[in-house]
């Protein structure tokens, strides 16, 4: 679902939706982005729509990485604040704004209560790339490494390896059954292959 469609379905102002989209496109087009760009946001929105038609998930999907400076935690909180500002300008109800903000914040730790099906849709969609074909996964991994280019390999290698090990140690990467059936096995193969490269 498109950003403007989701926003207007929730009663938002169309002009504000357009203005927000202009800013969103500009931000996702920043030159330092190599993976967390508009293509990623579009893919997350597209995959999330396969799991739910809730427009709040769509808005969270489009906005979840709108602020990105390769500063985990701070980026997500700033993206949630960006969404709150624009959705408030658009006149959405406070309950909907708060829910979109909450959904974006779940991407910090990729965790939420099991019964939160909207968070499940967003978080599984955000990790879809992990289960992509190896060549696509490798492009993702290269993009993330370039976004963290400020760190030399001797710093990046153990940090990235630790992240990969933590992910592989989880009993499940994906929260929903459909996502697990589709992506769990290839994601584990991709993560294992990358971990072997960094060890």
C-alpha atoms as a PDB file:
ATOM      1  CA  UNK A   1       0.000   0.000   0.000  1.00  0.00           C
ATOM      2  CA  UNK A   2       1.194   3.489  -0.794  1.00  0.00           C
ATOM      3  CA  UNK A   3       2.049   5.997   1.936  1.00  0.00           C
ATOM      4  CA  UNK A   4      -0.595   8.515   0.868  1.00  0.00           C
ATOM      5  CA  UNK A   5      -3.301   5.872   0.583  1.00  0.00           C
ATOM      6  CA  UNK A   6      -2.587   4.569   4.074  1.00  0.00           C
ATOM      7  CA  UNK A   7      -2.586   8.047   5.549  1.00  0.00           C
ATOM      8  CA  UNK A   8      -5.858   9.092   3.934  1.00  0.00           C
ATOM      9  CA  UNK A   9      -7.517   5.806   4.946  1.00  0.00           C
ATOM     10  CA  UNK A  10      -6.893   6.893   8.522  1.00  0.00           C
ATOM     11  CA  UNK A  11      -8.506  10.261   7.847  1.00  0.00           C
ATOM     12  CA  UNK A  12      -5.335  12.222   7.168  1.00  0.00           C
ATOM     13  CA  UNK A  13      -5.045  15.305   5.009  1.00  0.00           C
ATOM     14  CA  UNK A  14      -3.949  14.533   1.453  1.00  0.00           C
ATOM     15  CA  UNK A  15      -1.767  17.623   1.090  1.00  0.00           C
ATOM     16  CA  UNK A  16       0.094  16.829   4.289  1.00  0.00           C
ATOM     17  CA  UNK A  17       0.533  13.276   3.029  1.00  0.00           C
ATOM     18  CA  UNK A  18       2.171  14.612  -0.133  1.00  0.00           C
ATOM     19  CA  UNK A  19       4.451  16.957   1.791  1.00  0.00           C
ATOM     20  CA  UNK A  20       5.483  14.151   4.135  1.00  0.00           C
ATOM     21  CA  UNK A  21       6.207  11.891   1.167  1.00  0.00           C
ATOM     22  CA  UNK A  22       8.422  14.547  -0.400  1.00  0.00           C
ATOM     23  CA  UNK A  23      10.475  14.723   2.798  1.00  0.00           C
ATOM     24  CA  UNK A  24      10.499  10.932   3.121  1.00  0.00           C
ATOM     25  CA  UNK A  25      11.824  10.504  -0.429  1.00  0.00           C
ATOM     26  CA  UNK A  26      14.506  13.116   0.193  1.00  0.00           C
ATOM     27  CA  UNK A  27      15.669  11.421   3.364  1.00  0.00           C
ATOM     28  CA  UNK A  28      15.750   7.920   1.876  1.00  0.00           C
ATOM     29  CA  UNK A  29      17.739   9.334  -1.021  1.00  0.00           C
ATOM     30  CA  UNK A  30      20.599  10.574   1.163  1.00  0.00           C
ATOM     31  CA  UNK A  31      23.983   9.666  -0.343  1.00  0.00           C
ATOM     32  CA  UNK A  32      25.307   7.732   2.658  1.00  0.00           C
ATOM     33  CA  UNK A  33      22.576   5.102   2.356  1.00  0.00           C
ATOM     34  CA  UNK A  34      23.531   1.864   0.649  1.00  0.00           C
ATOM     35  CA  UNK A  35      20.847  -0.487   1.923  1.00  0.00           C
ATOM     36  CA  UNK A  36      18.450   1.489   4.130  1.00  0.00           C
ATOM     37  CA  UNK A  37      17.057   3.449   1.212  1.00  0.00           C
ATOM     38  CA  UNK A  38      13.675   3.855  -0.481  1.00  0.00           C
ATOM     39  CA  UNK A  39      13.929   0.408  -2.063  1.00  0.00           C
ATOM     40  CA  UNK A  40      14.187  -1.131   1.383  1.00  0.00           C
ATOM     41  CA  UNK A  41      11.241   0.872   2.724  1.00  0.00           C
ATOM     42  CA  UNK A  42       9.155  -0.096  -0.297  1.00  0.00           C
ATOM     43  CA  UNK A  43      10.041  -3.764   0.144  1.00  0.00           C
ATOM     44  CA  UNK A  44       9.086  -3.676   3.835  1.00  0.00           C
ATOM     45  CA  UNK A  45       5.769  -1.998   3.012  1.00  0.00           C
ATOM     46  CA  UNK A  46       5.107  -4.537   0.262  1.00  0.00           C
ATOM     47  CA  UNK A  47       5.893  -7.561   2.416  1.00  0.00           C
ATOM     48  CA  UNK A  48       3.978  -6.162   5.388  1.00  0.00           C
ATOM     49  CA  UNK A  49       0.918  -5.805   3.158  1.00  0.00           C
ATOM     50  CA  UNK A  50       1.078  -9.555   2.535  1.00  0.00           C
ATOM     51  CA  UNK A  51       0.509 -10.087   6.262  1.00  0.00           C
ATOM     52  CA  UNK A  52      -1.962  -7.306   7.125  1.00  0.00           C
ATOM     53  CA  UNK A  53      -4.018  -4.585   5.444  1.00  0.00           C
ATOM     54  CA  UNK A  54      -3.788  -2.304   8.475  1.00  0.00           C
ATOM     55  CA  UNK A  55      -2.706   1.155   7.230  1.00  0.00           C
ATOM     56  CA  UNK A  56      -0.840   1.860  10.471  1.00  0.00           C
ATOM     57  CA  UNK A  57       1.587  -0.933   9.622  1.00  0.00           C
ATOM     58  CA  UNK A  58       2.014   0.556   6.154  1.00  0.00           C
ATOM     59  CA  UNK A  59       2.894   3.954   7.603  1.00  0.00           C
ATOM     60  CA  UNK A  60       5.330   2.374  10.050  1.00  0.00           C
ATOM     61  CA  UNK A  61       6.921   0.358   7.260  1.00  0.00           C
ATOM     62  CA  UNK A  62       7.538   3.413   5.112  1.00  0.00           C
ATOM     63  CA  UNK A  63       8.810   5.520   8.019  1.00  0.00           C
ATOM     64  CA  UNK A  64      10.784   3.015  10.097  1.00  0.00           C
ATOM     65  CA  UNK A  65      14.205   3.968   8.659  1.00  0.00           C
ATOM     66  CA  UNK A  66      13.407   7.492   7.450  1.00  0.00           C
ATOM     67  CA  UNK A  67      16.131   8.813   9.770  1.00  0.00           C
ATOM     68  CA  UNK A  68      19.273   6.747   9.328  1.00  0.00           C
ATOM     69  CA  UNK A  69      22.763   7.666  10.473  1.00  0.00           C
ATOM     70  CA  UNK A  70      23.923   4.124  11.332  1.00  0.00           C
ATOM     71  CA  UNK A  71      23.254   4.808  15.014  1.00  0.00           C
ATOM     72  CA  UNK A  72      21.109   1.909  16.234  1.00  0.00           C
ATOM     73  CA  UNK A  73      18.384   2.920  18.658  1.00  0.00           C
ATOM     74  CA  UNK A  74      18.746   6.629  18.017  1.00  0.00           C
ATOM     75  CA  UNK A  75      17.786   6.166  14.365  1.00  0.00           C
ATOM     76  CA  UNK A  76      14.576   4.324  15.197  1.00  0.00           C
ATOM     77  CA  UNK A  77      13.594   6.816  17.882  1.00  0.00           C
ATOM     78  CA  UNK A  78      14.218   9.710  15.488  1.00  0.00           C
ATOM     79  CA  UNK A  79      12.207   7.932  12.772  1.00  0.00           C
ATOM     80  CA  UNK A  80       9.316   7.459  15.212  1.00  0.00           C
ATOM     81  CA  UNK A  81       9.499  11.165  16.088  1.00  0.00           C
ATOM     82  CA  UNK A  82       9.479  12.037  12.372  1.00  0.00           C
ATOM     83  CA  UNK A  83       6.346   9.939  11.893  1.00  0.00           C
ATOM     84  CA  UNK A  84       4.652  11.542  14.895  1.00  0.00           C
ATOM     85  CA  UNK A  85       5.391  15.032  13.588  1.00  0.00           C
ATOM     86  CA  UNK A  86       4.043  14.385  10.092  1.00  0.00           C
ATOM     87  CA  UNK A  87       1.036  12.321  11.155  1.00  0.00           C
ATOM     88  CA  UNK A  88       0.108  15.048  13.634  1.00  0.00           C
ATOM     89  CA  UNK A  89       0.327  17.637  10.846  1.00  0.00           C
ATOM     90  CA  UNK A  90      -1.907  15.405   8.747  1.00  0.00           C
ATOM     91  CA  UNK A  91      -4.542  15.366  11.478  1.00  0.00           C
ATOM     92  CA  UNK A  92      -4.540  11.690  12.396  1.00  0.00           C
ATOM     93  CA  UNK A  93      -6.098  10.592  15.657  1.00  0.00           C
ATOM     94  CA  UNK A  94      -3.684  10.400  18.578  1.00  0.00           C
ATOM     95  CA  UNK A  95      -4.353   6.674  19.019  1.00  0.00           C
ATOM     96  CA  UNK A  96      -3.271   5.979  15.434  1.00  0.00           C
ATOM     97  CA  UNK A  97      -0.209   8.205  15.715  1.00  0.00           C
ATOM     98  CA  UNK A  98       0.834   6.481  18.927  1.00  0.00           C
ATOM     99  CA  UNK A  99       0.382   3.052  17.368  1.00  0.00           C
ATOM    100  CA  UNK A 100       2.533   3.906  14.344  1.00  0.00           C
ATOM    101  CA  UNK A 101       5.174   5.348  16.659  1.00  0.00           C
ATOM    102  CA  UNK A 102       5.055   2.214  18.835  1.00  0.00           C
ATOM    103  CA  UNK A 103       5.416  -0.055  15.814  1.00  0.00           C
ATOM    104  CA  UNK A 104       8.488   1.808  14.591  1.00  0.00           C
ATOM    105  CA  UNK A 105      10.044   1.551  18.046  1.00  0.00           C
ATOM    106  CA  UNK A 106       9.660  -2.245  18.018  1.00  0.00           C
ATOM    107  CA  UNK A 107      12.320  -2.315  15.297  1.00  0.00           C
ATOM    108  CA  UNK A 108      14.952  -1.261  17.851  1.00  0.00           C
ATOM    109  CA  UNK A 109      15.125  -4.689  19.442  1.00  0.00           C
ATOM    110  CA  UNK A 110      12.935  -6.513  16.951  1.00  0.00           C
ATOM    111  CA  UNK A 111      10.745  -7.615  19.800  1.00  0.00           C
ATOM    112  CA  UNK A 112       7.103  -7.278  20.796  1.00  0.00           C
ATOM    113  CA  UNK A 113       4.492  -9.389  22.580  1.00  0.00           C
ATOM    114  CA  UNK A 114       3.629 -12.546  20.650  1.00  0.00           C
ATOM    115  CA  UNK A 115       0.001 -11.471  20.397  1.00  0.00           C
ATOM    116  CA  UNK A 116       0.915  -8.195  18.651  1.00  0.00           C
ATOM    117  CA  UNK A 117       0.083  -9.227  15.111  1.00  0.00           C
ATOM    118  CA  UNK A 118       0.743  -5.784  13.639  1.00  0.00           C
ATOM    119  CA  UNK A 119       4.268  -5.774  15.055  1.00  0.00           C
ATOM    120  CA  UNK A 120       4.708  -9.304  13.747  1.00  0.00           C
ATOM    121  CA  UNK A 121       3.808  -8.144  10.246  1.00  0.00           C
ATOM    122  CA  UNK A 122       6.236  -5.217  10.375  1.00  0.00           C
ATOM    123  CA  UNK A 123       9.141  -7.066  11.972  1.00  0.00           C
ATOM    124  CA  UNK A 124       8.909 -10.088   9.692  1.00  0.00           C
ATOM    125  CA  UNK A 125       8.709  -7.819   6.648  1.00  0.00           C
ATOM    126  CA  UNK A 126      11.768  -5.887   7.845  1.00  0.00           C
ATOM    127  CA  UNK A 127      13.800  -9.113   7.945  1.00  0.00           C
ATOM    128  CA  UNK A 128      12.607 -10.488   4.608  1.00  0.00           C
ATOM    129  CA  UNK A 129      15.966  -9.709   2.997  1.00  0.00           C
ATOM    130  CA  UNK A 130      17.674 -12.212   5.273  1.00  0.00           C
ATOM    131  CA  UNK A 131      15.795 -14.983   3.496  1.00  0.00           C
ATOM    132  CA  UNK A 132      16.435 -13.696  -0.008  1.00  0.00           C
ATOM    133  CA  UNK A 133      18.477 -15.607  -2.617  1.00  0.00           C
ATOM    134  CA  UNK A 134      22.201 -15.571  -1.728  1.00  0.00           C
ATOM    135  CA  UNK A 135      23.135 -12.940  -4.338  1.00  0.00           C
ATOM    136  CA  UNK A 136      20.472 -10.564  -3.003  1.00  0.00           C
ATOM    137  CA  UNK A 137      21.538 -11.234   0.564  1.00  0.00           C
ATOM    138  CA  UNK A 138      25.168 -10.549  -0.343  1.00  0.00           C
ATOM    139  CA  UNK A 139      24.148  -7.200  -1.842  1.00  0.00           C
ATOM    140  CA  UNK A 140      22.365  -6.372   1.416  1.00  0.00           C
ATOM    141  CA  UNK A 141      25.410  -7.351   3.489  1.00  0.00           C
ATOM    142  CA  UNK A 142      27.709  -5.220   1.315  1.00  0.00           C
ATOM    143  CA  UNK A 143      25.330  -2.284   1.595  1.00  0.00           C
ATOM    144  CA  UNK A 144      25.221  -2.470   5.376  1.00  0.00           C
ATOM    145  CA  UNK A 145      29.017  -2.719   5.537  1.00  0.00           C
ATOM    146  CA  UNK A 146      29.308   0.420   3.372  1.00  0.00           C
ATOM    147  CA  UNK A 147      26.880   2.267   5.638  1.00  0.00           C
ATOM    148  CA  UNK A 148      29.208   1.474   8.544  1.00  0.00           C
ATOM    149  CA  UNK A 149      32.347   2.336   6.591  1.00  0.00           C
ATOM    150  CA  UNK A 150      33.556   4.573   9.424  1.00  0.00           C
ATOM    151  CA  UNK A 151      34.542   1.372  11.235  1.00  0.00           C
ATOM    152  CA  UNK A 152      37.706  -0.413  10.019  1.00  0.00           C
ATOM    153  CA  UNK A 153      37.500  -4.147   9.395  1.00  0.00           C
ATOM    154  CA  UNK A 154      39.262  -4.976  12.654  1.00  0.00           C
ATOM    155  CA  UNK A 155      36.415  -3.264  14.532  1.00  0.00           C
ATOM    156  CA  UNK A 156      33.598  -4.271  12.188  1.00  0.00           C
ATOM    157  CA  UNK A 157      34.493  -7.968  11.970  1.00  0.00           C
ATOM    158  CA  UNK A 158      33.956  -8.964  15.631  1.00  0.00           C
ATOM    159  CA  UNK A 159      30.944  -6.676  15.981  1.00  0.00           C
ATOM    160  CA  UNK A 160      29.194  -8.022  12.920  1.00  0.00           C
ATOM    161  CA  UNK A 161      30.077 -11.598  13.856  1.00  0.00           C
ATOM    162  CA  UNK A 162      28.514 -11.076  17.291  1.00  0.00           C
ATOM    163  CA  UNK A 163      25.314  -9.742  15.702  1.00  0.00           C
ATOM    164  CA  UNK A 164      25.113 -12.719  13.363  1.00  0.00           C
ATOM    165  CA  UNK A 165      25.780 -15.175  16.187  1.00  0.00           C
ATOM    166  CA  UNK A 166      23.007 -13.636  18.293  1.00  0.00           C
ATOM    167  CA  UNK A 167      20.572 -13.907  15.411  1.00  0.00           C
ATOM    168  CA  UNK A 168      21.475 -17.524  14.710  1.00  0.00           C
ATOM    169  CA  UNK A 169      21.121 -18.394  18.398  1.00  0.00           C
ATOM    170  CA  UNK A 170      17.472 -17.349  18.399  1.00  0.00           C
ATOM    171  CA  UNK A 171      15.001 -20.227  18.269  1.00  0.00           C
ATOM    172  CA  UNK A 172      13.235 -18.392  15.450  1.00  0.00           C
ATOM    173  CA  UNK A 173      14.109 -15.418  13.279  1.00  0.00           C
ATOM    174  CA  UNK A 174      10.544 -14.790  12.154  1.00  0.00           C
ATOM    175  CA  UNK A 175       7.514 -14.416  14.373  1.00  0.00           C
ATOM    176  CA  UNK A 176       4.739 -15.457  12.004  1.00  0.00           C
ATOM    177  CA  UNK A 177       4.174 -18.885  10.525  1.00  0.00           C
ATOM    178  CA  UNK A 178       3.985 -17.686   6.915  1.00  0.00           C
ATOM    179  CA  UNK A 179       7.269 -15.799   7.206  1.00  0.00           C
ATOM    180  CA  UNK A 180       8.974 -18.724   8.919  1.00  0.00           C
ATOM    181  CA  UNK A 181       7.901 -21.138   6.220  1.00  0.00           C
ATOM    182  CA  UNK A 182       9.076 -18.776   3.500  1.00  0.00           C
ATOM    183  CA  UNK A 183      12.294 -17.316   4.890  1.00  0.00           C
ATOM    184  CA  UNK A 184      13.585 -19.079   8.032  1.00  0.00           C
ATOM    185  CA  UNK A 185      15.689 -21.795   6.372  1.00  0.00           C
ATOM    186  CA  UNK A 186      17.288 -19.624   3.660  1.00  0.00           C
ATOM    187  CA  UNK A 187      17.885 -16.836   6.186  1.00  0.00           C
ATOM    188  CA  UNK A 188      19.818 -19.182   8.450  1.00  0.00           C
ATOM    189  CA  UNK A 189      21.906 -20.348   5.503  1.00  0.00           C
ATOM    190  CA  UNK A 190      22.661 -16.752   4.500  1.00  0.00           C
ATOM    191  CA  UNK A 191      23.543 -15.661   8.024  1.00  0.00           C
ATOM    192  CA  UNK A 192      25.775 -18.692   8.525  1.00  0.00           C
ATOM    193  CA  UNK A 193      27.595 -18.041   5.252  1.00  0.00           C
ATOM    194  CA  UNK A 194      28.238 -14.405   6.159  1.00  0.00           C
ATOM    195  CA  UNK A 195      29.406 -15.356   9.644  1.00  0.00           C
ATOM    196  CA  UNK A 196      31.943 -17.758   8.167  1.00  0.00           C
ATOM    197  CA  UNK A 197      33.305 -14.931   6.001  1.00  0.00           C
ATOM    198  CA  UNK A 198      33.879 -12.674   9.015  1.00  0.00           C
ATOM    199  CA  UNK A 199      35.416 -15.301  11.281  1.00  0.00           C
END
